[in-house]
Amino acid sequence: MLELGGQTPPATDLVKDVSEANFMADVIEASNTVPVIVDFWAPWCGPCKTLGPALESAVKKANGSVKMAKVNVDENQRIAAQLQIQSLPTVYAFWKGQPVDGFQGAIAGSEIDAFVQRVIAAAGGGADAEGGGLDDAVTAAEEMLDQGAATDAVQTFAAILQEDPKNAKAYAGMVRAHIALEDLDQAEAILNGAPAEISKAPELEAAHAALELARQAADAGPVSDLRAAVEADPENHQARFDLAQALYASGQTEEAVEVLLDLFRRAPDWNDEAAKQQLFTIFEALKPNDPIVLNGRRRLSSMIFA
């Protein structure tokens, strides 16, 4: 376990060593203002030496939306007995004097981040704490999703929605996380269950586009076969359109856009302007400032208004 000694910045005081004498003040009472995560550890506990510093780092990254108390169970056996601590490490999160979440044993870094963000979300973002509260939790969950930790992202988005059921970003993130997990039916169910007030929010519209593309991807053919079909007959517009779908499904978004732009240049009216509509769907699913979107929209506009 990393000892802080005199290194803890007194202005923030985010991590404390807590004993039986000050547990009530620094955990129970303090949790009325900001959630407090309690790390129960011991010097002889090997996993504690890894978990403790990782948990401290995640707490500090939250910029005051949550605090941490470290309890050495060897020196504070009464607290450990009262809370029925049976194995180490054990972590509990307190909010308004009550435990609201927890886990036992060492866990992965992404799971630690997800746990901290769930705690912040469960407390409504830590209303009296510094930092962005639920907005920070949404950002953290989106980062988890970008890094491939879709299951952790689902848990964090769910915790956010418990506190703010009309959070459009969290709803959209939940949909995208289930798309990443290839659970398209659940993604659609979540999308359809969004409150009416946010159903037309840009984030939900983008999630809808992402789901539509994911459904197409499930039926996409092999890229090599479709590329060969296009090379064999450059006027085979359906094969070119299908190639774009297959490229997108395989993660080659930029090339998919190139193929659709080429199709629109060759046959703008084909199949009720299918190439243009597919481009709009891809642009909507991506972030507005994505270079693929910015360049693609500019090139499409130049063709439309040429």
Protein backbone atom coordinates (compact mmCIF):
# COMPACT_ATOMS: atom_id res chain seq x y z
CA MET A 1 0.00 0.00 0.00
CA LEU A 2 1.38 3.36 -1.00
CA GLU A 3 1.90 5.59 1.98
CA LEU A 4 1.17 9.24 1.37
CA GLY A 5 2.98 10.67 4.38
CA GLY A 6 3.33 14.40 3.95
CA GLN A 7 2.66 14.24 0.21
CA THR A 8 -1.11 14.72 0.44
CA PRO A 9 -1.99 18.23 -0.75
CA PRO A 10 -3.73 19.84 2.24
CA ALA A 11 -5.96 21.96 -0.01
CA THR A 12 -7.69 18.94 -1.54
CA ASP A 13 -7.22 16.28 1.14
CA LEU A 14 -8.69 13.66 -1.17
CA VAL A 15 -7.01 10.61 0.43
CA LYS A 16 -6.72 10.03 4.19
CA ASP A 17 -5.51 7.36 6.55
CA VAL A 18 -8.49 6.77 8.83
CA SER A 19 -8.67 5.08 12.24
CA GLU A 20 -11.42 4.16 14.68
CA ALA A 21 -11.04 7.58 16.28
CA ASN A 22 -11.91 9.55 13.15
CA PHE A 23 -13.90 7.04 11.06
CA MET A 24 -17.20 8.67 12.01
CA ALA A 25 -16.01 12.16 11.05
CA ASP A 26 -13.93 11.35 7.97
CA VAL A 27 -16.19 8.69 6.46
CA ILE A 28 -19.75 8.70 7.79
CA GLU A 29 -20.19 12.44 8.31
CA ALA A 30 -17.99 13.42 5.37
CA SER A 31 -20.09 11.25 3.06
CA ASN A 32 -23.03 13.59 3.61
CA THR A 33 -21.23 16.06 1.34
CA VAL A 34 -19.22 13.91 -1.06
CA PRO A 35 -19.05 10.11 -1.49
CA VAL A 36 -16.19 8.44 0.37
CA ILE A 37 -14.52 5.25 -0.85
CA VAL A 38 -12.99 3.20 1.98
CA ASP A 39 -10.08 0.87 1.21
CA PHE A 40 -9.67 -1.80 3.89
CA TRP A 41 -6.12 -3.12 3.69
CA ALA A 42 -3.24 -4.62 5.69
CA PRO A 43 0.55 -4.46 5.31
CA TRP A 44 0.77 -8.23 4.71
CA CYS A 45 -1.85 -8.18 1.91
CA GLY A 46 -0.13 -8.52 -1.46
CA PRO A 47 -3.08 -7.50 -3.70
CA CYS A 48 -3.62 -4.43 -1.48
CA LYS A 49 -0.26 -3.06 -2.61
CA THR A 50 -1.50 -2.98 -6.20
CA LEU A 51 -5.11 -1.99 -5.64
CA GLY A 52 -4.45 0.85 -3.18
CA PRO A 53 -2.33 3.09 -5.44
CA ALA A 54 -4.58 2.39 -8.45
CA LEU A 55 -7.66 3.36 -6.43
CA GLU A 56 -5.94 6.50 -5.15
CA SER A 57 -5.08 7.49 -8.72
CA ALA A 58 -8.68 7.05 -9.88
CA VAL A 59 -9.97 9.08 -6.92
CA LYS A 60 -7.53 11.91 -7.60
CA LYS A 61 -8.50 11.97 -11.28
CA ALA A 62 -12.09 12.65 -10.18
CA ASN A 63 -10.96 16.09 -8.95
CA GLY A 64 -12.94 16.19 -5.72
CA SER A 65 -16.12 14.41 -6.82
CA VAL A 66 -15.18 11.58 -4.46
CA LYS A 67 -12.79 11.07 -1.55
CA MET A 68 -10.91 8.05 -0.22
CA ALA A 69 -10.24 6.72 3.26
CA LYS A 70 -7.64 4.02 3.95
CA VAL A 71 -8.23 1.73 6.92
CA ASN A 72 -5.47 -0.60 8.14
CA VAL A 73 -7.51 -3.48 9.53
CA ASP A 74 -4.63 -4.71 11.72
CA GLU A 75 -4.78 -1.42 13.62
CA ASN A 76 -8.56 -0.99 13.44
CA GLN A 77 -10.04 -4.40 14.08
CA ARG A 78 -13.23 -3.08 15.63
CA ILE A 79 -14.25 -1.28 12.42
CA ALA A 80 -13.39 -4.36 10.37
CA ALA A 81 -15.55 -6.50 12.64
CA GLN A 82 -18.49 -4.08 12.56
CA LEU A 83 -18.46 -4.01 8.74
CA GLN A 84 -17.85 -7.77 8.53
CA ILE A 85 -14.63 -7.47 6.55
CA GLN A 86 -13.70 -11.10 5.86
CA SER A 87 -11.08 -10.81 3.12
CA LEU A 88 -8.65 -8.23 1.80
CA PRO A 89 -8.65 -6.00 -0.01
CA THR A 90 -12.25 -4.95 0.54
CA VAL A 91 -13.59 -1.64 -0.71
CA TYR A 92 -16.83 0.08 0.31
CA ALA A 93 -18.26 3.36 -0.94
CA PHE A 94 -20.34 5.49 1.45
CA TRP A 95 -22.86 8.17 0.53
CA LYS A 96 -25.09 9.95 3.06
CA GLY A 97 -23.68 7.67 5.76
CA GLN A 98 -24.67 4.44 4.01
CA PRO A 99 -22.67 1.95 1.90
CA VAL A 100 -23.82 2.24 -1.72
CA ASP A 101 -21.33 0.03 -3.58
CA GLY A 102 -18.28 -2.14 -3.00
CA PHE A 103 -16.13 -5.07 -4.07
CA GLN A 104 -13.57 -7.54 -2.76
CA GLY A 105 -10.20 -8.51 -4.22
CA ALA A 106 -7.98 -6.85 -6.79
CA ILE A 107 -9.67 -5.74 -10.01
CA ALA A 108 -8.47 -4.38 -13.35
CA GLY A 109 -7.71 -0.70 -13.86
CA SER A 110 -10.73 -0.12 -16.10
CA GLU A 111 -12.97 -1.72 -13.47
CA ILE A 112 -11.52 0.59 -10.81
CA ASP A 113 -12.30 3.63 -12.97
CA ALA A 114 -15.80 2.30 -13.60
CA PHE A 115 -16.34 1.73 -9.88
CA VAL A 116 -15.29 5.29 -9.00
CA GLN A 117 -17.54 6.74 -11.68
CA ARG A 118 -20.49 4.60 -10.52
CA VAL A 119 -20.00 5.93 -7.01
CA ILE A 120 -19.92 9.51 -8.27
CA ALA A 121 -23.05 8.90 -10.34
CA ALA A 122 -24.85 7.25 -7.42
CA ALA A 123 -24.26 10.43 -5.45
CA GLY A 124 -25.70 12.55 -8.23
CA GLY A 125 -22.26 13.72 -9.23
CA GLY A 126 -21.21 14.80 -5.75
CA ALA A 127 -23.28 17.95 -5.61
CA ASP A 128 -21.03 19.83 -3.22
CA ALA A 129 -17.74 18.57 -4.62
CA GLU A 130 -15.43 20.28 -7.04
CA GLY A 131 -15.49 19.01 -10.63
CA GLY A 132 -18.17 18.31 -13.19
CA GLY A 133 -20.10 15.57 -11.40
CA LEU A 134 -22.24 13.58 -13.81
CA ASP A 135 -20.63 15.24 -16.82
CA ASP A 136 -17.27 13.89 -15.66
CA ALA A 137 -18.82 10.45 -15.18
CA VAL A 138 -20.23 10.54 -18.73
CA THR A 139 -16.83 11.54 -20.11
CA ALA A 140 -15.13 8.73 -18.19
CA ALA A 141 -17.67 6.18 -19.42
CA GLU A 142 -17.19 7.35 -23.01
CA GLU A 143 -13.43 6.91 -22.60
CA MET A 144 -14.01 3.37 -21.30
CA LEU A 145 -16.06 2.65 -24.41
CA ASP A 146 -13.40 4.10 -26.72
CA GLN A 147 -10.80 1.91 -25.00
CA GLY A 148 -12.86 -1.25 -25.53
CA ALA A 149 -14.15 -1.64 -21.96
CA ALA A 150 -17.78 -1.81 -23.07
CA THR A 151 -19.04 -3.78 -20.06
CA ASP A 152 -17.57 -1.25 -17.63
CA ALA A 153 -19.06 1.54 -19.72
CA VAL A 154 -22.53 -0.08 -19.54
CA GLN A 155 -22.34 -0.20 -15.73
CA THR A 156 -21.24 3.42 -15.52
CA PHE A 157 -23.85 4.72 -17.97
CA ALA A 158 -26.50 2.76 -16.03
CA ALA A 159 -25.44 4.39 -12.76
CA ILE A 160 -25.62 7.82 -14.40
CA LEU A 161 -29.11 7.14 -15.72
CA GLN A 162 -30.28 6.11 -12.26
CA GLU A 163 -29.46 9.63 -11.11
CA ASP A 164 -30.44 11.45 -14.31
CA PRO A 165 -32.92 9.37 -16.35
CA LYS A 166 -33.05 12.05 -19.07
CA ASN A 167 -29.32 12.30 -19.69
CA ALA A 168 -29.16 12.04 -23.48
CA LYS A 169 -25.40 11.46 -23.57
CA ALA A 170 -25.65 8.56 -21.12
CA TYR A 171 -28.58 7.04 -23.02
CA ALA A 172 -26.66 7.27 -26.29
CA GLY A 173 -23.57 5.87 -24.62
CA MET A 174 -25.56 2.91 -23.29
CA VAL A 175 -26.82 2.18 -26.82
CA ARG A 176 -23.30 2.39 -28.29
CA ALA A 177 -21.91 0.18 -25.53
CA HIS A 178 -24.43 -2.56 -26.34
CA ILE A 179 -23.61 -2.17 -30.03
CA ALA A 180 -19.95 -2.72 -29.12
CA LEU A 181 -21.00 -5.84 -27.21
CA GLU A 182 -22.87 -6.96 -30.37
CA ASP A 183 -26.16 -7.00 -28.46
CA LEU A 184 -28.10 -5.09 -31.09
CA ASP A 185 -31.56 -6.07 -29.83
CA GLN A 186 -30.78 -4.66 -26.38
CA ALA A 187 -29.33 -1.52 -27.97
CA GLU A 188 -32.56 -1.06 -29.92
CA ALA A 189 -34.68 -1.68 -26.83
CA ILE A 190 -32.77 0.99 -24.92
CA LEU A 191 -33.10 3.41 -27.81
CA ASN A 192 -36.84 2.80 -28.07
CA GLY A 193 -37.20 3.24 -24.31
CA ALA A 194 -35.64 6.69 -24.19
CA PRO A 195 -37.88 9.36 -22.63
CA ALA A 196 -39.82 11.35 -25.22
CA GLU A 197 -38.15 14.58 -24.10
CA ILE A 198 -34.74 13.40 -25.32
CA SER A 199 -35.73 11.02 -28.12
CA LYS A 200 -34.79 13.60 -30.77
CA ALA A 201 -31.59 14.76 -29.08
CA PRO A 202 -28.54 14.77 -31.40
CA GLU A 203 -26.84 12.13 -29.26
CA LEU A 204 -29.79 9.76 -29.62
CA GLU A 205 -30.06 10.43 -33.35
CA ALA A 206 -26.37 9.57 -33.68
CA ALA A 207 -26.86 6.38 -31.66
CA HIS A 208 -29.78 5.45 -33.94
CA ALA A 209 -27.52 5.90 -36.98
CA ALA A 210 -24.82 3.77 -35.34
CA LEU A 211 -27.38 1.03 -34.67
CA GLU A 212 -28.62 1.13 -38.27
CA LEU A 213 -25.04 0.74 -39.53
CA ALA A 214 -24.41 -2.10 -37.07
CA ARG A 215 -27.48 -3.95 -38.38
CA GLN A 216 -26.19 -3.51 -41.92
CA ALA A 217 -22.75 -4.74 -40.86
CA ALA A 218 -24.25 -8.00 -39.61
CA ASP A 219 -25.34 -8.78 -43.18
CA ALA A 220 -22.28 -7.40 -44.99
CA GLY A 221 -20.50 -9.68 -47.42
CA PRO A 222 -16.74 -10.35 -47.69
CA VAL A 223 -14.79 -7.23 -48.72
CA SER A 224 -12.56 -9.16 -51.11
CA ASP A 225 -15.49 -10.66 -53.02
CA LEU A 226 -17.28 -7.33 -53.33
CA ARG A 227 -14.12 -5.52 -54.36
CA ALA A 228 -13.60 -8.13 -57.09
CA ALA A 229 -17.19 -7.65 -58.27
CA VAL A 230 -16.69 -3.90 -58.57
CA GLU A 231 -13.43 -4.33 -60.45
CA ALA A 232 -15.09 -6.80 -62.81
CA ASP A 233 -17.99 -4.42 -63.53
CA PRO A 234 -17.43 -0.77 -62.49
CA GLU A 235 -21.07 -0.01 -63.37
CA ASN A 236 -22.38 -2.53 -60.83
CA HIS A 237 -23.69 0.10 -58.43
CA GLN A 238 -25.19 -2.40 -55.99
CA ALA A 239 -21.84 -4.15 -55.61
CA ARG A 240 -20.15 -0.80 -54.98
CA PHE A 241 -22.78 0.10 -52.37
CA ASP A 242 -22.41 -3.32 -50.72
CA LEU A 243 -18.62 -2.88 -50.72
CA ALA A 244 -19.00 0.37 -48.79
CA GLN A 245 -21.16 -1.41 -46.21
CA ALA A 246 -18.62 -4.21 -45.88
CA LEU A 247 -15.75 -1.76 -45.50
CA TYR A 248 -17.59 0.11 -42.75
CA ALA A 249 -18.40 -3.18 -41.02
CA SER A 250 -14.70 -4.08 -41.01
CA GLY A 251 -13.72 -0.75 -39.45
CA GLN A 252 -12.49 0.86 -42.68
CA THR A 253 -14.75 3.90 -42.33
CA GLU A 254 -12.67 6.32 -44.38
CA GLU A 255 -12.47 3.94 -47.34
CA ALA A 256 -16.21 3.24 -47.05
CA VAL A 257 -16.86 6.97 -47.38
CA GLU A 258 -14.54 7.12 -50.41
CA VAL A 259 -16.46 4.32 -52.13
CA LEU A 260 -19.82 6.00 -51.45
CA LEU A 261 -18.54 9.34 -52.73
CA ASP A 262 -17.39 7.60 -55.88
CA LEU A 263 -20.79 5.93 -56.23
CA PHE A 264 -22.57 9.26 -55.79
CA ARG A 265 -20.29 10.84 -58.41
CA ARG A 266 -21.07 8.04 -60.86
CA ALA A 267 -24.81 7.69 -60.18
CA PRO A 268 -26.20 10.35 -57.81
CA ASP A 269 -29.84 9.31 -58.36
CA TRP A 270 -29.29 5.55 -58.15
CA ASN A 271 -31.72 3.74 -55.85
CA ASP A 272 -33.34 6.94 -54.55
CA GLU A 273 -29.98 8.61 -53.81
CA ALA A 274 -28.89 5.65 -51.70
CA ALA A 275 -25.22 6.68 -51.71
CA LYS A 276 -25.99 10.13 -50.33
CA GLN A 277 -28.34 8.78 -47.69
CA GLN A 278 -25.76 6.20 -46.57
CA LEU A 279 -23.13 8.93 -46.31
CA PHE A 280 -25.48 11.00 -44.15
CA THR A 281 -26.02 7.96 -41.88
CA ILE A 282 -22.27 7.46 -41.46
CA PHE A 283 -21.67 11.17 -40.83
CA GLU A 284 -24.43 11.21 -38.19
CA ALA A 285 -23.01 8.15 -36.41
CA LEU A 286 -19.53 9.70 -36.13
CA LYS A 287 -18.51 12.66 -34.00
CA PRO A 288 -19.27 15.99 -35.74
CA ASN A 289 -15.63 17.07 -35.62
CA ASP A 290 -14.26 13.78 -36.98
CA PRO A 291 -11.93 14.56 -39.93
CA ILE A 292 -13.72 11.86 -41.97
CA VAL A 293 -17.00 13.73 -41.44
CA LEU A 294 -15.58 17.18 -42.16
CA ASN A 295 -13.80 16.09 -45.33
CA GLY A 296 -16.65 13.86 -46.50
CA ARG A 297 -19.31 16.54 -46.04
CA ARG A 298 -17.19 19.09 -47.89
CA ARG A 299 -16.62 16.77 -50.84
CA LEU A 300 -20.26 15.68 -50.97
CA SER A 301 -21.42 19.29 -50.93
CA SER A 302 -19.10 20.17 -53.78
CA MET A 303 -20.69 17.38 -55.86
CA ILE A 304 -24.25 18.32 -54.96
CA PHE A 305 -23.81 22.02 -55.75
CA ALA A 306 -21.39 21.64 -58.65
